[in-house]
Structures are given as C-alpha cells and as structure tokens.
Amino acid sequence: MPHYHAWEEFTRAAEKLYLADPMKVRVVLKYRHCDGNLCIKVTDDVACLLYRTDQAQDVKKIEKFHSQLMRLMVAKESRSAAMETD
C-alpha cells in the first residue's frame, strides 16, 4: 500500500484511479484522535492509495478533494469532463 507524502502526487493518483473505473472506487476518511492523524484512503480493491497527515492546514485540502470526488460520484454528466474542469 503506497503511502504518499506529497498531496499533489496523491490527488493525481487518486483521480487517475477513479477515472479508470468509477464503479469500483471507494474513499475512506479516518481520524484517530489519540494520534492526531487524519487519513484518506482511495481504493479499488487492486490498488490502494493512502495519504496521512497530522497538520491542521491539510484538513481543508482533504475536505475539498473528498467533496469533489463525492460530487463526481453522484453527477449524471460525463465524469471525465467534470474532473478536468475542477
């Protein structure tokens, strides 16, 4: 399971994974209060991408990316066109 340390790298890989097969991808957010870590995991059961942070400023980036993916998952328009415009 690759752990990404750079946010931009993680978002590019997650978008690529989602666009490859949108019906199989799922996203999990997990916060561990005892460690102070927020973790976002994007997987399609073959590949698993993981980004973990303990920085408060990263929470806003993760929240924005997560809501972008959720909007794409429920959108009726072309998913690839919507991802490129955001």
C-alpha atoms as a PDB file:
ATOM      1  CA  MET A   1       0.000   0.000   0.000  1.00  0.00           C
ATOM      2  CA  PRO A   2       1.749   3.176  -1.148  1.00  0.00           C
ATOM      3  CA  HIS A   3       1.831   5.995   1.386  1.00  0.00           C
ATOM      4  CA  TYR A   4       2.034   9.372  -0.314  1.00  0.00           C
ATOM      5  CA  HIS A   5       3.876  12.217   1.387  1.00  0.00           C
ATOM      6  CA  ALA A   6       3.120  14.850  -1.276  1.00  0.00           C
ATOM      7  CA  TRP A   7      -0.515  15.978  -1.528  1.00  0.00           C
ATOM      8  CA  GLU A   8      -0.346  16.777  -5.274  1.00  0.00           C
ATOM      9  CA  GLU A   9       1.022  13.317  -6.046  1.00  0.00           C
ATOM     10  CA  PHE A  10      -1.761  11.689  -4.063  1.00  0.00           C
ATOM     11  CA  THR A  11      -4.545  13.689  -5.743  1.00  0.00           C
ATOM     12  CA  ARG A  12      -3.234  12.925  -9.244  1.00  0.00           C
ATOM     13  CA  ALA A  13      -3.001   9.209  -8.476  1.00  0.00           C
ATOM     14  CA  ALA A  14      -6.459   9.147  -6.852  1.00  0.00           C
ATOM     15  CA  GLU A  15      -8.063  10.965  -9.802  1.00  0.00           C
ATOM     16  CA  LYS A  16      -6.399   8.553 -12.228  1.00  0.00           C
ATOM     17  CA  LEU A  17      -7.616   5.573 -10.207  1.00  0.00           C
ATOM     18  CA  TYR A  18     -11.159   6.960 -10.067  1.00  0.00           C
ATOM     19  CA  LEU A  19     -11.318   7.756 -13.786  1.00  0.00           C
ATOM     20  CA  ALA A  20     -10.056   4.271 -14.691  1.00  0.00           C
ATOM     21  CA  ASP A  21     -13.113   2.566 -13.152  1.00  0.00           C
ATOM     22  CA  PRO A  22     -15.542   4.832 -11.257  1.00  0.00           C
ATOM     23  CA  MET A  23     -17.851   1.989 -10.225  1.00  0.00           C
ATOM     24  CA  LYS A  24     -15.195   0.158  -8.196  1.00  0.00           C
ATOM     25  CA  VAL A  25     -13.505   3.040  -6.378  1.00  0.00           C
ATOM     26  CA  ARG A  26     -14.324   3.901  -2.793  1.00  0.00           C
ATOM     27  CA  VAL A  27     -12.986   6.570  -0.458  1.00  0.00           C
ATOM     28  CA  VAL A  28     -12.458   6.263   3.281  1.00  0.00           C
ATOM     29  CA  LEU A  29     -11.663   9.079   5.723  1.00  0.00           C
ATOM     30  CA  LYS A  30     -10.394   8.139   9.152  1.00  0.00           C
ATOM     31  CA  TYR A  31      -9.396  10.337  12.084  1.00  0.00           C
ATOM     32  CA  ARG A  32      -7.527   8.954  15.076  1.00  0.00           C
ATOM     33  CA  HIS A  33      -7.801  11.362  17.978  1.00  0.00           C
ATOM     34  CA  CYS A  34      -5.182   9.587  20.084  1.00  0.00           C
ATOM     35  CA  ASP A  35      -2.560  10.089  17.331  1.00  0.00           C
ATOM     36  CA  GLY A  36      -3.977  13.294  15.882  1.00  0.00           C
ATOM     37  CA  ASN A  37      -3.815  11.782  12.385  1.00  0.00           C
ATOM     38  CA  LEU A  38      -6.270  12.215   9.530  1.00  0.00           C
ATOM     39  CA  CYS A  39      -6.055   9.558   6.850  1.00  0.00           C
ATOM     40  CA  ILE A  40      -7.712   9.411   3.423  1.00  0.00           C
ATOM     41  CA  LYS A  41      -7.660   6.134   1.526  1.00  0.00           C
ATOM     42  CA  VAL A  42      -8.772   5.630  -2.084  1.00  0.00           C
ATOM     43  CA  THR A  43      -9.030   2.039  -3.269  1.00  0.00           C
ATOM     44  CA  ASP A  44     -10.489  -0.151  -5.983  1.00  0.00           C
ATOM     45  CA  ASP A  45      -9.510  -3.435  -4.259  1.00  0.00           C
ATOM     46  CA  VAL A  46      -6.492  -3.796  -6.554  1.00  0.00           C
ATOM     47  CA  ALA A  47      -4.669  -0.546  -5.846  1.00  0.00           C
ATOM     48  CA  CYS A  48      -4.814   1.271  -2.535  1.00  0.00           C
ATOM     49  CA  LEU A  49      -3.647   4.876  -2.173  1.00  0.00           C
ATOM     50  CA  LEU A  50      -3.111   6.369   1.267  1.00  0.00           C
ATOM     51  CA  TYR A  51      -2.353   9.893   2.486  1.00  0.00           C
ATOM     52  CA  ARG A  52      -1.881  10.554   6.186  1.00  0.00           C
ATOM     53  CA  THR A  53      -1.331  13.897   7.893  1.00  0.00           C
ATOM     54  CA  ASP A  54      -1.246  15.457  11.322  1.00  0.00           C
ATOM     55  CA  GLN A  55      -1.239  19.054  10.045  1.00  0.00           C
ATOM     56  CA  ALA A  56      -4.361  21.160  10.602  1.00  0.00           C
ATOM     57  CA  GLN A  57      -3.969  23.051   7.321  1.00  0.00           C
ATOM     58  CA  ASP A  58      -4.179  19.797   5.343  1.00  0.00           C
ATOM     59  CA  VAL A  59      -7.695  19.132   6.653  1.00  0.00           C
ATOM     60  CA  LYS A  60      -9.169  21.795   4.349  1.00  0.00           C
ATOM     61  CA  LYS A  61      -7.386  20.311   1.308  1.00  0.00           C
ATOM     62  CA  ILE A  62      -8.618  16.820   2.144  1.00  0.00           C
ATOM     63  CA  GLU A  63     -12.156  18.079   2.706  1.00  0.00           C
ATOM     64  CA  LYS A  64     -12.177  19.891  -0.650  1.00  0.00           C
ATOM     65  CA  PHE A  65     -10.801  16.870  -2.526  1.00  0.00           C
ATOM     66  CA  HIS A  66     -13.225  14.492  -0.808  1.00  0.00           C
ATOM     67  CA  SER A  67     -16.237  16.662  -1.679  1.00  0.00           C
ATOM     68  CA  GLN A  68     -15.000  16.930  -5.286  1.00  0.00           C
ATOM     69  CA  LEU A  69     -14.867  13.135  -5.567  1.00  0.00           C
ATOM     70  CA  MET A  70     -18.306  12.776  -3.971  1.00  0.00           C
ATOM     71  CA  ARG A  71     -19.804  15.269  -6.440  1.00  0.00           C
ATOM     72  CA  LEU A  72     -18.317  13.285  -9.320  1.00  0.00           C
ATOM     73  CA  MET A  73     -19.707  10.038  -7.970  1.00  0.00           C
ATOM     74  CA  VAL A  74     -23.271  11.344  -7.929  1.00  0.00           C
ATOM     75  CA  ALA A  75     -23.101  13.523 -11.065  1.00  0.00           C
ATOM     76  CA  LYS A  76     -25.065  12.463 -14.132  1.00  0.00           C
ATOM     77  CA  GLU A  77     -22.806  14.305 -16.575  1.00  0.00           C
ATOM     78  CA  SER A  78     -19.602  12.914 -18.016  1.00  0.00           C
ATOM     79  CA  ARG A  79     -17.255  12.165 -15.140  1.00  0.00           C
ATOM     80  CA  SER A  80     -14.022  12.792 -17.025  1.00  0.00           C
ATOM     81  CA  ALA A  81     -15.146  16.228 -18.253  1.00  0.00           C
ATOM     82  CA  ALA A  82     -16.238  17.250 -14.739  1.00  0.00           C
ATOM     83  CA  MET A  83     -12.910  16.252 -13.164  1.00  0.00           C
ATOM     84  CA  GLU A  84     -10.896  18.316 -15.644  1.00  0.00           C
ATOM     85  CA  THR A  85     -12.964  21.478 -15.107  1.00  0.00           C
ATOM     86  CA  ASP A  86     -12.493  21.492 -11.301  1.00  0.00           C
END
